[in-house]
Amino acid sequence: MTNFNPQYKILTPQRLLNIMIAANVAIYIISLIYSGKNIRLTLNPFYALTPSMDVLNFLGASGRLPIVKFEAWWSLITANWLHGGLLHILFNMMALRTVAPLVMHEFGLSRMFSIYTLSGIAGFLLSYFGNVYLTIGASSGLCGLIGASLYFGRSRGGEWGQLVYKQTRGWIVSLVLIGFLLPNINNWSHAGGLFGGILFGWIFSYSDKRKENIIDIVLALFLAGMTLFLLARSIITGFILIFL
């Protein structure tokens, strides 16, 4: 893969990636602070430093509980930025650092963020229809980026396309194995995110077919603004209720 050519003077691919990772980490830390004494402390690495389920639900976890009981359809967006433990966020951020640069390179910054967000929504929406009680995590959006990469590799062809396609298939095999071997994995969100990524990758197309345009940028800014508003609303409200 060749080096990036920054498309914007201010927001480069590396900066966007750093912002997304920092946002995930910051929200995870906030969820721990809000959980207080209810943080789950255990030697089991799968459950170490788990925030309170009530706090996660308040901050924007998705699933049947928040949507049916509280009509929190907005959680389809916010759940993509919440995590349920130290290993959970570490694995997801390592995966984001691996997959996002490829999608930014082939689709551009704006389309990458839109695919990540919309695929996350697709994954959590499928989780709702799959009767998942409560669900969180960036893996839904991550699977969307993998799906977009799969579409790109298959569509583009050639030596580079075949290499991407082969690599992406390997990631999907790993996802399937993780889904069956590890506890508390939401395979509904993985599947919804993956197929959502393929769909949105096809809808938005990639740079070899068309360059990013103003519509792509406006859509990404709208999704980013909506995400920021929803997360900030929950965080500020939680701060007021807990500390004031």
Protein backbone atom coordinates (compact mmCIF):
# COMPACT_ATOMS: atom_id res chain seq x y z
CA MET A 1 0.00 0.00 0.00
CA THR A 2 1.39 3.37 -0.96
CA ASN A 3 1.70 6.32 1.39
CA PHE A 4 -1.28 8.55 2.05
CA ASN A 5 -1.71 11.81 0.20
CA PRO A 6 -3.51 14.04 2.75
CA GLN A 7 -6.78 15.25 1.26
CA TYR A 8 -7.26 18.02 3.77
CA LYS A 9 -4.84 20.57 5.19
CA ILE A 10 -6.07 20.12 8.76
CA LEU A 11 -7.53 16.63 9.01
CA THR A 12 -5.11 13.96 7.83
CA PRO A 13 -5.79 10.20 7.93
CA GLN A 14 -3.54 9.76 10.97
CA ARG A 15 -5.23 12.61 12.82
CA LEU A 16 -8.68 11.23 12.10
CA LEU A 17 -7.61 7.80 13.33
CA ASN A 18 -6.10 9.31 16.48
CA ILE A 19 -9.28 11.31 17.14
CA MET A 20 -11.47 8.21 16.80
CA ILE A 21 -9.25 6.15 19.11
CA ALA A 22 -8.99 9.00 21.64
CA ALA A 23 -12.77 9.42 21.64
CA ASN A 24 -13.32 5.72 22.31
CA VAL A 25 -10.76 5.71 25.13
CA ALA A 26 -12.13 8.92 26.68
CA ILE A 27 -15.70 7.61 26.71
CA TYR A 28 -14.52 4.31 28.22
CA ILE A 29 -12.71 6.20 31.00
CA ILE A 30 -15.80 8.34 31.60
CA SER A 31 -17.93 5.19 31.88
CA LEU A 32 -15.53 3.88 34.54
CA ILE A 33 -15.60 7.16 36.47
CA TYR A 34 -19.40 7.27 36.39
CA SER A 35 -19.53 3.63 37.54
CA GLY A 36 -17.62 4.45 40.74
CA LYS A 37 -17.70 1.53 43.17
CA ASN A 38 -19.76 -0.52 40.71
CA ILE A 39 -16.79 -1.16 38.42
CA ARG A 40 -16.24 -4.88 38.06
CA LEU A 41 -12.80 -5.75 39.41
CA THR A 42 -11.69 -9.29 38.62
CA LEU A 43 -8.61 -11.26 37.58
CA ASN A 44 -10.55 -12.65 34.65
CA PRO A 45 -9.17 -10.63 31.69
CA PHE A 46 -12.47 -10.83 29.80
CA TYR A 47 -14.28 -8.93 32.55
CA ALA A 48 -11.53 -6.74 34.04
CA LEU A 49 -12.51 -3.10 34.52
CA THR A 50 -16.08 -3.54 33.33
CA PRO A 51 -18.25 -0.43 33.77
CA SER A 52 -21.65 -0.63 35.42
CA MET A 53 -24.36 -1.91 33.07
CA ASP A 54 -26.65 0.89 34.27
CA VAL A 55 -24.03 3.48 33.31
CA LEU A 56 -23.47 1.91 29.89
CA ASN A 57 -27.20 1.82 29.34
CA PHE A 58 -27.49 5.48 30.30
CA LEU A 59 -24.58 6.54 28.08
CA GLY A 60 -26.06 4.88 25.03
CA ALA A 61 -25.85 1.09 24.94
CA SER A 62 -28.22 -0.41 22.37
CA GLY A 63 -30.30 -3.59 22.19
CA ARG A 64 -33.83 -4.68 23.05
CA LEU A 65 -33.77 -3.20 26.56
CA PRO A 66 -33.00 0.47 25.74
CA ILE A 67 -34.96 0.52 22.50
CA VAL A 68 -38.11 -1.26 23.69
CA LYS A 69 -38.21 0.09 27.26
CA PHE A 70 -36.87 3.62 26.68
CA GLU A 71 -37.39 4.02 22.89
CA ALA A 72 -33.71 4.95 22.65
CA TRP A 73 -33.30 4.52 18.91
CA TRP A 74 -30.44 7.02 19.08
CA SER A 75 -28.46 4.26 20.81
CA LEU A 76 -27.90 2.72 17.36
CA ILE A 77 -25.32 5.48 16.93
CA THR A 78 -23.86 5.82 20.42
CA ALA A 79 -23.35 2.11 21.17
CA ASN A 80 -20.54 2.05 18.60
CA TRP A 81 -18.42 4.19 20.95
CA LEU A 82 -18.93 2.32 24.23
CA HIS A 83 -16.93 -0.62 25.59
CA GLY A 84 -17.48 -3.19 28.29
CA GLY A 85 -13.97 -3.88 29.53
CA LEU A 86 -10.25 -3.30 29.15
CA LEU A 87 -9.63 -6.15 26.72
CA HIS A 88 -12.74 -5.18 24.78
CA ILE A 89 -11.50 -1.69 23.99
CA LEU A 90 -7.87 -2.80 23.48
CA PHE A 91 -8.81 -5.38 20.85
CA ASN A 92 -11.20 -3.03 19.08
CA MET A 93 -8.75 -0.12 18.96
CA MET A 94 -5.97 -2.40 17.68
CA ALA A 95 -8.35 -3.59 14.96
CA LEU A 96 -9.37 -0.01 14.13
CA ARG A 97 -5.72 0.97 13.77
CA THR A 98 -5.27 -1.93 11.35
CA VAL A 99 -8.40 -1.66 9.21
CA ALA A 100 -9.25 2.07 9.10
CA PRO A 101 -6.09 3.20 7.24
CA LEU A 102 -6.84 0.81 4.37
CA VAL A 103 -10.41 2.09 4.02
CA MET A 104 -9.27 5.72 4.27
CA HIS A 105 -6.70 5.06 1.56
CA GLU A 106 -9.18 3.52 -0.87
CA PHE A 107 -12.40 5.39 0.02
CA GLY A 108 -11.18 8.63 1.59
CA LEU A 109 -11.62 10.05 5.08
CA SER A 110 -15.25 11.12 4.75
CA ARG A 111 -16.50 7.89 3.25
CA MET A 112 -14.57 5.84 5.80
CA PHE A 113 -16.27 7.65 8.69
CA SER A 114 -19.69 7.36 7.06
CA ILE A 115 -19.22 3.63 6.43
CA TYR A 116 -18.05 3.15 10.02
CA THR A 117 -21.06 4.99 11.45
CA LEU A 118 -23.76 3.63 9.14
CA SER A 119 -22.46 0.06 9.40
CA GLY A 120 -22.50 0.43 13.16
CA ILE A 121 -26.15 1.42 12.95
CA ALA A 122 -26.85 -1.59 10.71
CA GLY A 123 -25.14 -3.94 13.15
CA PHE A 124 -27.02 -2.71 16.19
CA LEU A 125 -30.29 -2.62 14.28
CA LEU A 126 -29.85 -6.29 13.38
CA SER A 127 -29.01 -6.95 17.04
CA TYR A 128 -32.36 -5.41 17.98
CA PHE A 129 -34.21 -7.71 15.59
CA GLY A 130 -32.08 -10.59 16.87
CA ASN A 131 -33.37 -9.95 20.41
CA VAL A 132 -29.97 -9.02 21.85
CA TYR A 133 -30.76 -7.61 25.30
CA LEU A 134 -27.92 -5.07 25.64
CA THR A 135 -25.00 -4.50 23.30
CA ILE A 136 -22.06 -2.11 22.86
CA GLY A 137 -18.70 -1.91 21.10
CA ALA A 138 -16.90 -0.57 18.07
CA SER A 139 -16.81 -4.01 16.45
CA SER A 140 -20.05 -3.32 14.57
CA GLY A 141 -18.49 -0.35 12.77
CA LEU A 142 -15.20 -2.24 12.44
CA CYS A 143 -16.97 -5.08 10.68
CA GLY A 144 -18.41 -2.45 8.36
CA LEU A 145 -14.91 -1.31 7.44
CA ILE A 146 -13.94 -4.94 6.83
CA GLY A 147 -17.03 -5.37 4.64
CA ALA A 148 -16.13 -2.26 2.63
CA SER A 149 -12.58 -3.62 2.20
CA LEU A 150 -13.99 -6.95 1.04
CA TYR A 151 -16.15 -5.18 -1.54
CA PHE A 152 -13.21 -3.07 -2.69
CA GLY A 153 -10.91 -6.04 -3.16
CA ARG A 154 -13.51 -8.06 -5.03
CA SER A 155 -14.61 -5.13 -7.20
CA ARG A 156 -11.21 -3.71 -8.06
CA GLY A 157 -9.47 -6.95 -8.92
CA GLY A 158 -5.90 -7.01 -10.12
CA GLU A 159 -2.94 -7.87 -7.92
CA TRP A 160 -3.72 -5.24 -5.28
CA GLY A 161 -7.43 -6.01 -5.21
CA GLN A 162 -6.79 -9.73 -4.86
CA LEU A 163 -4.35 -9.07 -2.02
CA VAL A 164 -6.91 -6.93 -0.17
CA TYR A 165 -9.64 -9.49 -0.81
CA LYS A 166 -7.50 -12.33 0.53
CA GLN A 167 -6.49 -10.34 3.60
CA THR A 168 -10.08 -9.34 4.29
CA ARG A 169 -11.32 -12.92 4.03
CA GLY A 170 -8.74 -13.81 6.67
CA TRP A 171 -10.16 -11.13 8.97
CA ILE A 172 -13.67 -12.50 8.46
CA VAL A 173 -12.55 -16.03 9.32
CA SER A 174 -10.99 -14.64 12.50
CA LEU A 175 -14.26 -12.86 13.34
CA VAL A 176 -16.23 -16.07 12.93
CA LEU A 177 -13.83 -18.00 15.15
CA ILE A 178 -13.86 -15.27 17.81
CA GLY A 179 -17.64 -15.21 17.69
CA PHE A 180 -17.88 -18.90 18.52
CA LEU A 181 -14.94 -19.24 20.90
CA LEU A 182 -15.14 -16.16 23.14
CA PRO A 183 -17.93 -15.33 25.59
CA ASN A 184 -20.46 -12.51 25.16
CA ILE A 185 -19.70 -11.86 21.48
CA ASN A 186 -22.58 -10.24 19.59
CA ASN A 187 -22.52 -12.08 16.27
CA TRP A 188 -25.66 -10.24 15.17
CA SER A 189 -23.82 -6.91 15.25
CA HIS A 190 -20.81 -8.42 13.48
CA ALA A 191 -23.01 -9.79 10.70
CA GLY A 192 -25.03 -6.59 10.38
CA GLY A 193 -21.91 -4.45 10.33
CA LEU A 194 -20.19 -6.68 7.77
CA PHE A 195 -23.06 -6.72 5.30
CA GLY A 196 -23.72 -3.05 5.97
CA GLY A 197 -20.10 -2.31 5.07
CA ILE A 198 -20.40 -4.23 1.82
CA LEU A 199 -23.61 -2.36 0.98
CA PHE A 200 -22.32 1.11 1.84
CA GLY A 201 -18.99 0.38 0.17
CA TRP A 202 -20.93 -0.32 -3.00
CA ILE A 203 -23.20 2.72 -2.59
CA PHE A 204 -20.39 5.19 -1.86
CA SER A 205 -17.87 3.54 -4.19
CA TYR A 206 -14.09 3.97 -3.87
CA SER A 207 -11.51 6.42 -5.15
CA ASP A 208 -10.54 4.44 -8.27
CA LYS A 209 -14.13 4.81 -9.45
CA ARG A 210 -14.86 8.32 -8.19
CA LYS A 211 -13.19 10.88 -5.95
CA GLU A 212 -14.75 12.12 -2.74
CA ASN A 213 -17.02 15.11 -3.30
CA ILE A 214 -18.82 17.71 -1.23
CA ILE A 215 -21.78 15.38 -0.62
CA ASP A 216 -19.45 12.81 0.97
CA ILE A 217 -17.93 15.47 3.20
CA VAL A 218 -21.29 16.94 4.26
CA LEU A 219 -22.66 13.47 5.09
CA ALA A 220 -19.61 12.63 7.21
CA LEU A 221 -19.81 15.98 9.01
CA PHE A 222 -23.51 15.46 9.68
CA LEU A 223 -22.91 11.96 11.11
CA ALA A 224 -19.97 13.21 13.18
CA GLY A 225 -22.04 16.11 14.52
CA MET A 226 -24.97 13.85 15.37
CA THR A 227 -22.66 11.37 17.11
CA LEU A 228 -20.95 14.11 19.10
CA PHE A 229 -24.27 15.64 20.13
CA LEU A 230 -25.77 12.35 21.33
CA LEU A 231 -22.67 11.29 23.27
CA ALA A 232 -22.14 14.74 24.78
CA ARG A 233 -25.79 14.91 25.85
CA SER A 234 -25.51 11.63 27.77
CA ILE A 235 -22.13 12.50 29.29
CA ILE A 236 -23.19 15.98 30.45
CA THR A 237 -26.51 14.73 31.82
CA GLY A 238 -24.72 11.94 33.65
CA PHE A 239 -22.21 14.37 35.14
CA ILE A 240 -25.02 16.58 36.43
CA LEU A 241 -26.91 13.66 37.95
CA ILE A 242 -23.87 12.07 39.60
CA PHE A 243 -21.74 14.99 40.76
CA LEU A 244 -24.04 18.01 41.10
